[in-house]
Amino acid sequence: MPVPALPRLGLGCAPLANLYHPVSDEEAQQAVAAAFDNGAGYFDTAPHYGLGLSEERLGRALDGRDRSSYLLSTKVGRRLRDLAPGERPDGQGFTDSPARARVWDFTADGIRATLESSLERLGVDSVDIVYLHDVEDHLPEVYDTGFAALAELRDQGLVKAIGFGMNHSDILAKLVDDLDVDVVLCAGRWTLLERTALADLLPACERRGTKVVVGGVYNSGLLADPKPGAHYNYAEAPQELLDRALHMARVCAEFDVPLRAAALRYPFAHPSVVSAVVGAANADEMRDNAAMFAREIPDALWHALVEQRLLDEDVPLPVKGA
């Protein structure tokens, strides 16, 4: 079954689940409404995000909307269970999470149960894409049972497309080469700042006809607002990378282009990339993402970054209007 035609800009829904700081139900609702208002009708979530809170809040925000008006992806691999007496939730970066725990589960029954629970939290009968989530340390289970279980759901027509979501482009490339993968979500490895996916994942996807959704276009925030203390890969950015991001920002400013706009547009330089999912915790952040994506970026900016040795000479460059 072909991958649905995704909007080029989607909403990454991890921030809706109190990622690093609390977000109100109203803010989450307004972020989703702003995504619809700005043509970003693709929503990516996961049970991992806030121990189901992201899916619950997204489901409430989607309630009453025509199911054909948006596309939806979630993830499997981590099944949620209720906490045992005296057990505390492990937020893993998410605050104020429900009283649940994560369990790795790649069995056929576990994959199906995980998806069914997600559908219940989302309040829908189906999702468009299901990704196996962060499986880099569980490859034997993926090859033994996990992917086959997910492929069976696709064969039964219960999901339209399947794939993997993680931030390891080399492992994604191997999975694409080995398995019948429709689409991958690659976070942080094909960005203006870090382009490791060009050496492994993107060639594999081009060979196999696998679509690519990019996440982490701001590399955890460094490309959104480069300053001392900015995050890269969920930790404080090394000085060398901060200096490089600041240099990029200065070059962009010469063309009156915010660095965020360049970072959001750059991944589309590769033809396998079909969409970018960007997180937003409220309507203002979603509107800003849409405004950055709509900015016109002159071709000369990309060539200036090459001339300043901030982009390699052999990397693909975006084409204005494409």
C-alpha atoms as a PDB file:
ATOM      1  CA  MET A   1       0.000   0.000   0.000  1.00  0.00           C
ATOM      2  CA  PRO A   2       1.564   3.360  -0.962  1.00  0.00           C
ATOM      3  CA  VAL A   3       2.562   5.952   1.619  1.00  0.00           C
ATOM      4  CA  PRO A   4      -0.176   8.596   1.935  1.00  0.00           C
ATOM      5  CA  ALA A   5       0.678  11.981   0.439  1.00  0.00           C
ATOM      6  CA  LEU A   6       1.911  13.838   3.498  1.00  0.00           C
ATOM      7  CA  PRO A   7       1.881  17.615   3.967  1.00  0.00           C
ATOM      8  CA  ARG A   8       5.421  18.944   3.774  1.00  0.00           C
ATOM      9  CA  LEU A   9       5.071  20.363   7.278  1.00  0.00           C
ATOM     10  CA  GLY A  10       3.653  18.335  10.157  1.00  0.00           C
ATOM     11  CA  LEU A  11       3.305  18.691  13.913  1.00  0.00           C
ATOM     12  CA  GLY A  12       5.536  16.599  16.137  1.00  0.00           C
ATOM     13  CA  CYS A  13       3.428  15.930  19.216  1.00  0.00           C
ATOM     14  CA  ALA A  14       6.036  15.113  21.881  1.00  0.00           C
ATOM     15  CA  PRO A  15       5.837  18.673  23.318  1.00  0.00           C
ATOM     16  CA  LEU A  16       2.092  18.225  23.869  1.00  0.00           C
ATOM     17  CA  ALA A  17       3.003  15.696  26.588  1.00  0.00           C
ATOM     18  CA  ASN A  18       4.919  18.093  28.868  1.00  0.00           C
ATOM     19  CA  LEU A  19       8.333  17.512  27.313  1.00  0.00           C
ATOM     20  CA  TYR A  20      10.768  19.229  29.740  1.00  0.00           C
ATOM     21  CA  HIS A  21       8.058  21.600  31.008  1.00  0.00           C
ATOM     22  CA  PRO A  22       4.301  21.537  31.654  1.00  0.00           C
ATOM     23  CA  VAL A  23       1.860  22.317  28.838  1.00  0.00           C
ATOM     24  CA  SER A  24      -1.803  22.888  29.571  1.00  0.00           C
ATOM     25  CA  ASP A  25      -4.612  20.994  27.882  1.00  0.00           C
ATOM     26  CA  GLU A  26      -5.712  24.289  26.321  1.00  0.00           C
ATOM     27  CA  GLU A  27      -2.259  25.005  24.902  1.00  0.00           C
ATOM     28  CA  ALA A  28      -2.108  21.523  23.390  1.00  0.00           C
ATOM     29  CA  GLN A  29      -5.559  21.972  21.868  1.00  0.00           C
ATOM     30  CA  GLN A  30      -4.592  25.331  20.394  1.00  0.00           C
ATOM     31  CA  ALA A  31      -1.337  23.971  18.932  1.00  0.00           C
ATOM     32  CA  VAL A  32      -3.279  21.315  17.021  1.00  0.00           C
ATOM     33  CA  ALA A  33      -5.853  23.885  15.848  1.00  0.00           C
ATOM     34  CA  ALA A  34      -3.029  26.130  14.615  1.00  0.00           C
ATOM     35  CA  ALA A  35      -1.557  23.193  12.674  1.00  0.00           C
ATOM     36  CA  PHE A  36      -4.861  22.790  10.833  1.00  0.00           C
ATOM     37  CA  ASP A  37      -5.059  26.538  10.209  1.00  0.00           C
ATOM     38  CA  ASN A  38      -1.590  26.507   8.643  1.00  0.00           C
ATOM     39  CA  GLY A  39      -1.892  23.437   6.422  1.00  0.00           C
ATOM     40  CA  ALA A  40       0.169  21.175   8.677  1.00  0.00           C
ATOM     41  CA  GLY A  41      -2.386  18.379   8.904  1.00  0.00           C
ATOM     42  CA  TYR A  42       0.058  15.560   9.658  1.00  0.00           C
ATOM     43  CA  PHE A  43       0.419  14.642  13.328  1.00  0.00           C
ATOM     44  CA  ASP A  44       3.119  12.331  14.671  1.00  0.00           C
ATOM     45  CA  THR A  45       2.831  10.933  18.183  1.00  0.00           C
ATOM     46  CA  ALA A  46       3.819   7.862  20.242  1.00  0.00           C
ATOM     47  CA  PRO A  47       2.897   6.025  23.451  1.00  0.00           C
ATOM     48  CA  HIS A  48       6.385   6.928  24.719  1.00  0.00           C
ATOM     49  CA  TYR A  49       5.537  10.643  24.694  1.00  0.00           C
ATOM     50  CA  GLY A  50       4.371  11.365  28.201  1.00  0.00           C
ATOM     51  CA  LEU A  51       3.339   7.734  28.803  1.00  0.00           C
ATOM     52  CA  GLY A  52       0.318   8.120  26.536  1.00  0.00           C
ATOM     53  CA  LEU A  53      -0.453  11.761  27.382  1.00  0.00           C
ATOM     54  CA  SER A  54       0.487  13.009  23.905  1.00  0.00           C
ATOM     55  CA  GLU A  55      -1.927  10.567  22.280  1.00  0.00           C
ATOM     56  CA  GLU A  56      -4.679  11.439  24.755  1.00  0.00           C
ATOM     57  CA  ARG A  57      -4.330  15.187  24.245  1.00  0.00           C
ATOM     58  CA  LEU A  58      -4.037  14.823  20.484  1.00  0.00           C
ATOM     59  CA  GLY A  59      -7.131  12.622  20.451  1.00  0.00           C
ATOM     60  CA  ARG A  60      -9.146  15.248  22.318  1.00  0.00           C
ATOM     61  CA  ALA A  61      -7.913  17.957  19.954  1.00  0.00           C
ATOM     62  CA  LEU A  62      -8.901  15.887  16.904  1.00  0.00           C
ATOM     63  CA  ASP A  63     -12.318  14.974  18.283  1.00  0.00           C
ATOM     64  CA  GLY A  64     -15.070  16.069  15.910  1.00  0.00           C
ATOM     65  CA  ARG A  65     -12.770  16.709  12.960  1.00  0.00           C
ATOM     66  CA  ASP A  66     -13.293  14.882   9.675  1.00  0.00           C
ATOM     67  CA  ARG A  67     -10.891  11.911   9.715  1.00  0.00           C
ATOM     68  CA  SER A  68     -10.099  12.516   6.046  1.00  0.00           C
ATOM     69  CA  SER A  69      -8.833  16.021   6.866  1.00  0.00           C
ATOM     70  CA  TYR A  70      -5.592  14.903   8.528  1.00  0.00           C
ATOM     71  CA  LEU A  71      -2.948  12.176   8.564  1.00  0.00           C
ATOM     72  CA  LEU A  72      -1.770  10.453  11.695  1.00  0.00           C
ATOM     73  CA  SER A  73       1.214   8.371  12.731  1.00  0.00           C
ATOM     74  CA  THR A  74       2.072   6.681  15.987  1.00  0.00           C
ATOM     75  CA  LYS A  75       4.624   4.134  17.122  1.00  0.00           C
ATOM     76  CA  VAL A  76       4.975   0.652  18.580  1.00  0.00           C
ATOM     77  CA  GLY A  77       7.706  -1.210  20.443  1.00  0.00           C
ATOM     78  CA  ARG A  78       6.997   0.311  23.846  1.00  0.00           C
ATOM     79  CA  ARG A  79       3.790  -1.031  25.371  1.00  0.00           C
ATOM     80  CA  LEU A  80       2.280   0.831  28.326  1.00  0.00           C
ATOM     81  CA  ARG A  81       1.060  -0.824  31.508  1.00  0.00           C
ATOM     82  CA  ASP A  82      -0.418   0.414  34.769  1.00  0.00           C
ATOM     83  CA  LEU A  83       1.992   1.022  37.622  1.00  0.00           C
ATOM     84  CA  ALA A  84       2.343  -1.567  40.352  1.00  0.00           C
ATOM     85  CA  PRO A  85       1.512  -0.460  43.914  1.00  0.00           C
ATOM     86  CA  GLY A  86       4.253   1.869  45.154  1.00  0.00           C
ATOM     87  CA  GLU A  87       5.856   2.164  41.694  1.00  0.00           C
ATOM     88  CA  ARG A  88       6.594   5.660  40.406  1.00  0.00           C
ATOM     89  CA  PRO A  89       6.338   6.723  36.740  1.00  0.00           C
ATOM     90  CA  ASP A  90       9.629   7.280  34.905  1.00  0.00           C
ATOM     91  CA  GLY A  91       8.965  10.406  32.886  1.00  0.00           C
ATOM     92  CA  GLN A  92      12.152  10.171  30.774  1.00  0.00           C
ATOM     93  CA  GLY A  93      12.047  13.912  30.126  1.00  0.00           C
ATOM     94  CA  PHE A  94       8.266  14.259  30.315  1.00  0.00           C
ATOM     95  CA  THR A  95       6.794  15.913  33.410  1.00  0.00           C
ATOM     96  CA  ASP A  96       3.490  15.214  35.168  1.00  0.00           C
ATOM     97  CA  SER A  97       3.005  11.910  33.329  1.00  0.00           C
ATOM     98  CA  PRO A  98       0.124   9.471  33.917  1.00  0.00           C
ATOM     99  CA  ALA A  99       0.603   6.534  36.304  1.00  0.00           C
ATOM    100  CA  ARG A 100       1.948   4.138  33.690  1.00  0.00           C
ATOM    101  CA  ALA A 101       5.186   2.371  32.794  1.00  0.00           C
ATOM    102  CA  ARG A 102       6.828   1.494  29.483  1.00  0.00           C
ATOM    103  CA  VAL A 103       7.588  -2.118  28.538  1.00  0.00           C
ATOM    104  CA  TRP A 104       9.558  -3.116  25.453  1.00  0.00           C
ATOM    105  CA  ASP A 105       7.399  -5.589  23.555  1.00  0.00           C
ATOM    106  CA  PHE A 106       8.007  -6.820  20.003  1.00  0.00           C
ATOM    107  CA  THR A 107       5.745  -9.863  20.071  1.00  0.00           C
ATOM    108  CA  ALA A 108       2.881 -10.053  17.597  1.00  0.00           C
ATOM    109  CA  ASP A 109       0.344  -9.795  20.418  1.00  0.00           C
ATOM    110  CA  GLY A 110       2.269  -6.923  21.983  1.00  0.00           C
ATOM    111  CA  ILE A 111       2.484  -4.953  18.736  1.00  0.00           C
ATOM    112  CA  ARG A 112      -1.241  -5.365  18.113  1.00  0.00           C
ATOM    113  CA  ALA A 113      -2.157  -4.511  21.711  1.00  0.00           C
ATOM    114  CA  THR A 114       0.064  -1.426  21.648  1.00  0.00           C
ATOM    115  CA  LEU A 115      -1.606  -0.140  18.498  1.00  0.00           C
ATOM    116  CA  GLU A 116      -5.082  -0.901  19.810  1.00  0.00           C
ATOM    117  CA  SER A 117      -4.359   1.064  22.990  1.00  0.00           C
ATOM    118  CA  SER A 118      -3.056   3.969  20.905  1.00  0.00           C
ATOM    119  CA  LEU A 119      -6.228   3.975  18.805  1.00  0.00           C
ATOM    120  CA  GLU A 120      -8.284   4.120  21.985  1.00  0.00           C
ATOM    121  CA  ARG A 121      -6.308   7.064  23.365  1.00  0.00           C
ATOM    122  CA  LEU A 122      -6.477   8.848  20.002  1.00  0.00           C
ATOM    123  CA  GLY A 123     -10.189   8.172  19.580  1.00  0.00           C
ATOM    124  CA  VAL A 124      -9.818   6.931  15.996  1.00  0.00           C
ATOM    125  CA  ASP A 125     -10.377   3.654  14.175  1.00  0.00           C
ATOM    126  CA  SER A 126      -7.070   3.712  12.306  1.00  0.00           C
ATOM    127  CA  VAL A 127      -3.803   5.546  11.806  1.00  0.00           C
ATOM    128  CA  ASP A 128      -2.048   6.118   8.514  1.00  0.00           C
ATOM    129  CA  ILE A 129       1.535   5.231   9.471  1.00  0.00           C
ATOM    130  CA  VAL A 130       2.977   3.108  12.287  1.00  0.00           C
ATOM    131  CA  TYR A 131       6.684   3.273  13.100  1.00  0.00           C
ATOM    132  CA  LEU A 132       8.702   0.847  15.193  1.00  0.00           C
ATOM    133  CA  HIS A 133      10.219   3.278  17.668  1.00  0.00           C
ATOM    134  CA  ASP A 134      13.857   3.586  18.838  1.00  0.00           C
ATOM    135  CA  VAL A 135      14.694  -0.047  18.156  1.00  0.00           C
ATOM    136  CA  GLU A 136      18.457   0.346  17.846  1.00  0.00           C
ATOM    137  CA  ASP A 137      19.071  -1.842  20.939  1.00  0.00           C
ATOM    138  CA  HIS A 138      16.421  -4.416  20.005  1.00  0.00           C
ATOM    139  CA  LEU A 139      17.284  -5.478  16.475  1.00  0.00           C
ATOM    140  CA  PRO A 140      17.103  -9.259  17.071  1.00  0.00           C
ATOM    141  CA  GLU A 141      13.519  -8.868  18.305  1.00  0.00           C
ATOM    142  CA  VAL A 142      12.691  -6.632  15.349  1.00  0.00           C
ATOM    143  CA  TYR A 143      13.962  -9.197  12.862  1.00  0.00           C
ATOM    144  CA  ASP A 144      12.435 -12.150  14.729  1.00  0.00           C
ATOM    145  CA  THR A 145       8.916 -10.873  15.393  1.00  0.00           C
ATOM    146  CA  GLY A 146       8.465  -7.094  15.475  1.00  0.00           C
ATOM    147  CA  PHE A 147       8.575  -6.164  11.829  1.00  0.00           C
ATOM    148  CA  ALA A 148       6.640  -9.221  10.702  1.00  0.00           C
ATOM    149  CA  ALA A 149       3.882  -8.354  13.180  1.00  0.00           C
ATOM    150  CA  LEU A 150       3.712  -4.807  11.859  1.00  0.00           C
ATOM    151  CA  ALA A 151       3.770  -6.004   8.237  1.00  0.00           C
ATOM    152  CA  GLU A 152       0.826  -8.267   8.998  1.00  0.00           C
ATOM    153  CA  LEU A 153      -1.190  -5.270  10.181  1.00  0.00           C
ATOM    154  CA  ARG A 154      -0.334  -3.544   6.905  1.00  0.00           C
ATOM    155  CA  ASP A 155      -1.277  -6.611   4.884  1.00  0.00           C
ATOM    156  CA  GLN A 156      -4.618  -6.723   6.675  1.00  0.00           C
ATOM    157  CA  GLY A 157      -5.261  -3.108   5.745  1.00  0.00           C
ATOM    158  CA  LEU A 158      -5.277  -1.946   9.373  1.00  0.00           C
ATOM    159  CA  VAL A 159      -2.501   0.573   8.651  1.00  0.00           C
ATOM    160  CA  LYS A 160      -1.529   2.127   5.342  1.00  0.00           C
ATOM    161  CA  ALA A 161       2.235   2.321   5.746  1.00  0.00           C
ATOM    162  CA  ILE A 162       4.877   1.055   8.159  1.00  0.00           C
ATOM    163  CA  GLY A 163       8.447   1.843   8.986  1.00  0.00           C
ATOM    164  CA  PHE A 164      10.909   2.880  11.667  1.00  0.00           C
ATOM    165  CA  GLY A 165      11.542   6.038  13.649  1.00  0.00           C
ATOM    166  CA  MET A 166      14.851   6.774  15.367  1.00  0.00           C
ATOM    167  CA  ASN A 167      17.904   9.032  15.289  1.00  0.00           C
ATOM    168  CA  HIS A 168      20.441   6.463  14.042  1.00  0.00           C
ATOM    169  CA  SER A 169      20.668   6.832  10.274  1.00  0.00           C
ATOM    170  CA  ASP A 170      23.064   3.903   9.805  1.00  0.00           C
ATOM    171  CA  ILE A 171      20.692   1.464  11.495  1.00  0.00           C
ATOM    172  CA  LEU A 172      17.749   2.890   9.570  1.00  0.00           C
ATOM    173  CA  ALA A 173      19.705   2.319   6.351  1.00  0.00           C
ATOM    174  CA  LYS A 174      20.258  -1.355   7.198  1.00  0.00           C
ATOM    175  CA  LEU A 175      16.587  -1.839   8.030  1.00  0.00           C
ATOM    176  CA  VAL A 176      15.573  -0.204   4.746  1.00  0.00           C
ATOM    177  CA  ASP A 177      17.949  -2.460   2.825  1.00  0.00           C
ATOM    178  CA  ASP A 178      16.814  -5.625   4.607  1.00  0.00           C
ATOM    179  CA  LEU A 179      13.055  -5.143   4.995  1.00  0.00           C
ATOM    180  CA  ASP A 180      10.004  -3.948   3.064  1.00  0.00           C
ATOM    181  CA  VAL A 181       9.909  -0.493   4.642  1.00  0.00           C
ATOM    182  CA  ASP A 182       7.484   2.121   3.337  1.00  0.00           C
ATOM    183  CA  VAL A 183       8.683   5.175   5.240  1.00  0.00           C
ATOM    184  CA  VAL A 184      11.188   6.144   7.917  1.00  0.00           C
ATOM    185  CA  LEU A 185      11.245   8.993  10.392  1.00  0.00           C
ATOM    186  CA  CYS A 186      14.848  10.097  10.828  1.00  0.00           C
ATOM    187  CA  ALA A 187      15.490  12.567  13.643  1.00  0.00           C
ATOM    188  CA  GLY A 188      18.493  14.853  13.721  1.00  0.00           C
ATOM    189  CA  ARG A 189      20.729  13.136  11.174  1.00  0.00           C
ATOM    190  CA  TRP A 190      19.715  15.055   8.045  1.00  0.00           C
ATOM    191  CA  THR A 191      19.847  18.697   9.014  1.00  0.00           C
ATOM    192  CA  LEU A 192      21.607  21.893   8.097  1.00  0.00           C
ATOM    193  CA  LEU A 193      24.139  21.126  10.816  1.00  0.00           C
ATOM    194  CA  GLU A 194      24.469  17.330  10.663  1.00  0.00           C
ATOM    195  CA  ARG A 195      24.255  15.380   7.420  1.00  0.00           C
ATOM    196  CA  THR A 196      25.339  11.841   8.291  1.00  0.00           C
ATOM    197  CA  ALA A 197      22.204  10.393   6.672  1.00  0.00           C
ATOM    198  CA  LEU A 198      23.578  11.386   3.263  1.00  0.00           C
ATOM    199  CA  ALA A 199      26.238   8.683   3.602  1.00  0.00           C
ATOM    200  CA  ASP A 200      23.914   5.813   4.495  1.00  0.00           C
ATOM    201  CA  LEU A 201      20.166   6.264   4.877  1.00  0.00           C
ATOM    202  CA  LEU A 202      19.289   8.570   2.005  1.00  0.00           C
ATOM    203  CA  PRO A 203      21.024   6.497  -0.695  1.00  0.00           C
ATOM    204  CA  ALA A 204      19.299   3.374   0.650  1.00  0.00           C
ATOM    205  CA  CYS A 205      15.907   5.090   0.569  1.00  0.00           C
ATOM    206  CA  GLU A 206      16.494   6.349  -2.955  1.00  0.00           C
ATOM    207  CA  ARG A 207      17.402   2.831  -4.122  1.00  0.00           C
ATOM    208  CA  ARG A 208      14.401   1.241  -2.462  1.00  0.00           C
ATOM    209  CA  GLY A 209      11.838   3.977  -3.052  1.00  0.00           C
ATOM    210  CA  THR A 210      11.381   4.463   0.699  1.00  0.00           C
ATOM    211  CA  LYS A 211       9.983   7.827   1.783  1.00  0.00           C
ATOM    212  CA  VAL A 212      11.681   9.896   4.468  1.00  0.00           C
ATOM    213  CA  VAL A 213      10.068  12.057   7.117  1.00  0.00           C
ATOM    214  CA  VAL A 214      12.604  14.225   8.937  1.00  0.00           C
ATOM    215  CA  GLY A 215      12.432  15.195  12.578  1.00  0.00           C
ATOM    216  CA  GLY A 216      14.822  17.115  14.782  1.00  0.00           C
ATOM    217  CA  VAL A 217      15.474  19.736  12.102  1.00  0.00           C
ATOM    218  CA  TYR A 218      16.736  22.121  14.794  1.00  0.00           C
ATOM    219  CA  ASN A 219      19.030  19.494  16.384  1.00  0.00           C
ATOM    220  CA  SER A 220      17.354  19.784  19.810  1.00  0.00           C
ATOM    221  CA  GLY A 221      17.288  23.569  19.630  1.00  0.00           C
ATOM    222  CA  LEU A 222      20.776  24.595  18.547  1.00  0.00           C
ATOM    223  CA  LEU A 223      19.588  25.630  15.083  1.00  0.00           C
ATOM    224  CA  ALA A 224      16.495  27.330  16.489  1.00  0.00           C
ATOM    225  CA  ASP A 225      18.367  29.678  18.810  1.00  0.00           C
ATOM    226  CA  PRO A 226      22.158  29.240  18.878  1.00  0.00           C
ATOM    227  CA  LYS A 227      23.485  30.678  22.137  1.00  0.00           C
ATOM    228  CA  PRO A 228      25.544  29.461  25.096  1.00  0.00           C
ATOM    229  CA  GLY A 229      23.663  26.664  26.826  1.00  0.00           C
ATOM    230  CA  ALA A 230      21.682  25.716  23.705  1.00  0.00           C
ATOM    231  CA  HIS A 231      20.972  22.007  23.354  1.00  0.00           C
ATOM    232  CA  TYR A 232      22.284  19.620  20.728  1.00  0.00           C
ATOM    233  CA  ASN A 233      21.222  15.964  20.848  1.00  0.00           C
ATOM    234  CA  TYR A 234      19.406  16.663  24.147  1.00  0.00           C
ATOM    235  CA  ALA A 235      22.572  17.886  25.898  1.00  0.00           C
ATOM    236  CA  GLU A 236      24.454  21.177  26.018  1.00  0.00           C
ATOM    237  CA  ALA A 237      25.992  21.863  22.606  1.00  0.00           C
ATOM    238  CA  PRO A 238      29.784  21.612  22.307  1.00  0.00           C
ATOM    239  CA  GLN A 239      31.463  24.952  21.649  1.00  0.00           C
ATOM    240  CA  GLU A 240      32.585  23.883  18.162  1.00  0.00           C
ATOM    241  CA  LEU A 241      29.014  23.174  17.065  1.00  0.00           C
ATOM    242  CA  LEU A 242      27.719  26.346  18.720  1.00  0.00           C
ATOM    243  CA  ASP A 243      30.302  28.386  16.818  1.00  0.00           C
ATOM    244  CA  ARG A 244      29.290  26.686  13.562  1.00  0.00           C
ATOM    245  CA  ALA A 245      25.599  27.377  14.171  1.00  0.00           C
ATOM    246  CA  LEU A 246      26.332  31.023  14.999  1.00  0.00           C
ATOM    247  CA  HIS A 247      28.360  31.308  11.779  1.00  0.00           C
ATOM    248  CA  MET A 248      25.409  29.868   9.844  1.00  0.00           C
ATOM    249  CA  ALA A 249      23.098  32.372  11.502  1.00  0.00           C
ATOM    250  CA  ARG A 250      25.332  35.269  10.418  1.00  0.00           C
ATOM    251  CA  VAL A 251      25.364  34.070   6.810  1.00  0.00           C
ATOM    252  CA  CYS A 252      21.580  33.662   6.829  1.00  0.00           C
ATOM    253  CA  ALA A 253      21.176  37.166   8.257  1.00  0.00           C
ATOM    254  CA  GLU A 254      23.053  38.585   5.266  1.00  0.00           C
ATOM    255  CA  PHE A 255      20.126  37.340   3.155  1.00  0.00           C
ATOM    256  CA  ASP A 256      17.489  38.454   5.692  1.00  0.00           C
ATOM    257  CA  VAL A 257      16.616  34.819   6.374  1.00  0.00           C
ATOM    258  CA  PRO A 258      16.230  33.473   9.937  1.00  0.00           C
ATOM    259  CA  LEU A 259      18.388  30.447  10.666  1.00  0.00           C
ATOM    260  CA  ARG A 260      15.222  28.564  11.652  1.00  0.00           C
ATOM    261  CA  ALA A 261      13.803  29.026   8.160  1.00  0.00           C
ATOM    262  CA  ALA A 262      16.950  27.705   6.513  1.00  0.00           C
ATOM    263  CA  ALA A 263      17.107  24.753   8.913  1.00  0.00           C
ATOM    264  CA  LEU A 264      13.503  23.829   8.234  1.00  0.00           C
ATOM    265  CA  ARG A 265      13.863  24.022   4.470  1.00  0.00           C
ATOM    266  CA  TYR A 266      17.266  22.395   4.011  1.00  0.00           C
ATOM    267  CA  PRO A 267      16.264  18.693   4.416  1.00  0.00           C
ATOM    268  CA  PHE A 268      14.039  18.943   1.339  1.00  0.00           C
ATOM    269  CA  ALA A 269      17.179  19.181  -0.753  1.00  0.00           C
ATOM    270  CA  HIS A 270      17.038  15.392  -1.021  1.00  0.00           C
ATOM    271  CA  PRO A 271      14.269  13.949  -3.213  1.00  0.00           C
ATOM    272  CA  SER A 272      13.401  11.131  -0.787  1.00  0.00           C
ATOM    273  CA  VAL A 273      12.282  13.615   1.885  1.00  0.00           C
ATOM    274  CA  VAL A 274       8.521  14.144   1.804  1.00  0.00           C
ATOM    275  CA  SER A 275       7.731  15.830   5.116  1.00  0.00           C
ATOM    276  CA  ALA A 276       9.201  17.446   8.221  1.00  0.00           C
ATOM    277  CA  VAL A 277       7.558  17.079  11.626  1.00  0.00           C
ATOM    278  CA  VAL A 278       8.398  19.909  13.985  1.00  0.00           C
ATOM    279  CA  GLY A 279       7.376  20.105  17.596  1.00  0.00           C
ATOM    280  CA  ALA A 280       5.239  22.879  19.043  1.00  0.00           C
ATOM    281  CA  ALA A 281       3.891  23.258  22.569  1.00  0.00           C
ATOM    282  CA  ASN A 282       1.384  26.000  21.782  1.00  0.00           C
ATOM    283  CA  ALA A 283      -0.266  27.873  18.924  1.00  0.00           C
ATOM    284  CA  ASP A 284       2.434  30.565  18.724  1.00  0.00           C
ATOM    285  CA  GLU A 285       5.178  27.984  18.209  1.00  0.00           C
ATOM    286  CA  MET A 286       3.125  26.208  15.546  1.00  0.00           C
ATOM    287  CA  ARG A 287       2.441  29.467  13.733  1.00  0.00           C
ATOM    288  CA  ASP A 288       6.140  30.312  13.895  1.00  0.00           C
ATOM    289  CA  ASN A 289       7.045  26.954  12.358  1.00  0.00           C
ATOM    290  CA  ALA A 290       4.602  27.602   9.525  1.00  0.00           C
ATOM    291  CA  ALA A 291       5.910  31.132   8.977  1.00  0.00           C
ATOM    292  CA  MET A 292       9.506  29.884   8.867  1.00  0.00           C
ATOM    293  CA  PHE A 293       8.571  27.188   6.381  1.00  0.00           C
ATOM    294  CA  ALA A 294       6.820  29.737   4.151  1.00  0.00           C
ATOM    295  CA  ARG A 295       9.845  32.070   3.965  1.00  0.00           C
ATOM    296  CA  GLU A 296      11.371  32.471   0.542  1.00  0.00           C
ATOM    297  CA  ILE A 297      15.010  31.463   0.591  1.00  0.00           C
ATOM    298  CA  PRO A 298      17.240  32.579  -2.276  1.00  0.00           C
ATOM    299  CA  ASP A 299      19.441  29.979  -3.903  1.00  0.00           C
ATOM    300  CA  ALA A 300      22.383  32.284  -3.244  1.00  0.00           C
ATOM    301  CA  LEU A 301      22.089  31.589   0.488  1.00  0.00           C
ATOM    302  CA  TRP A 302      22.885  27.913   0.048  1.00  0.00           C
ATOM    303  CA  HIS A 303      25.832  28.723  -2.202  1.00  0.00           C
ATOM    304  CA  ALA A 304      27.102  31.212   0.375  1.00  0.00           C
ATOM    305  CA  LEU A 305      27.018  28.488   3.026  1.00  0.00           C
ATOM    306  CA  VAL A 306      29.068  26.298   0.697  1.00  0.00           C
ATOM    307  CA  GLU A 307      31.539  29.112   0.071  1.00  0.00           C
ATOM    308  CA  GLN A 308      31.920  29.615   3.823  1.00  0.00           C
ATOM    309  CA  ARG A 309      32.578  25.862   4.176  1.00  0.00           C
ATOM    310  CA  LEU A 310      29.471  25.451   6.302  1.00  0.00           C
ATOM    311  CA  LEU A 311      28.048  23.027   3.731  1.00  0.00           C
ATOM    312  CA  ASP A 312      30.173  20.553   1.787  1.00  0.00           C
ATOM    313  CA  GLU A 313      30.506  21.137  -1.937  1.00  0.00           C
ATOM    314  CA  ASP A 314      29.026  17.740  -2.822  1.00  0.00           C
ATOM    315  CA  VAL A 315      25.789  17.928  -0.781  1.00  0.00           C
ATOM    316  CA  PRO A 316      22.455  18.490  -2.540  1.00  0.00           C
ATOM    317  CA  LEU A 317      21.064  22.001  -2.184  1.00  0.00           C
ATOM    318  CA  PRO A 318      17.429  23.067  -2.080  1.00  0.00           C
ATOM    319  CA  VAL A 319      16.041  24.688  -5.209  1.00  0.00           C
ATOM    320  CA  LYS A 320      13.850  27.759  -4.822  1.00  0.00           C
ATOM    321  CA  GLY A 321      10.212  26.939  -5.455  1.00  0.00           C
ATOM    322  CA  ALA A 322      10.702  23.163  -5.319  1.00  0.00           C
END
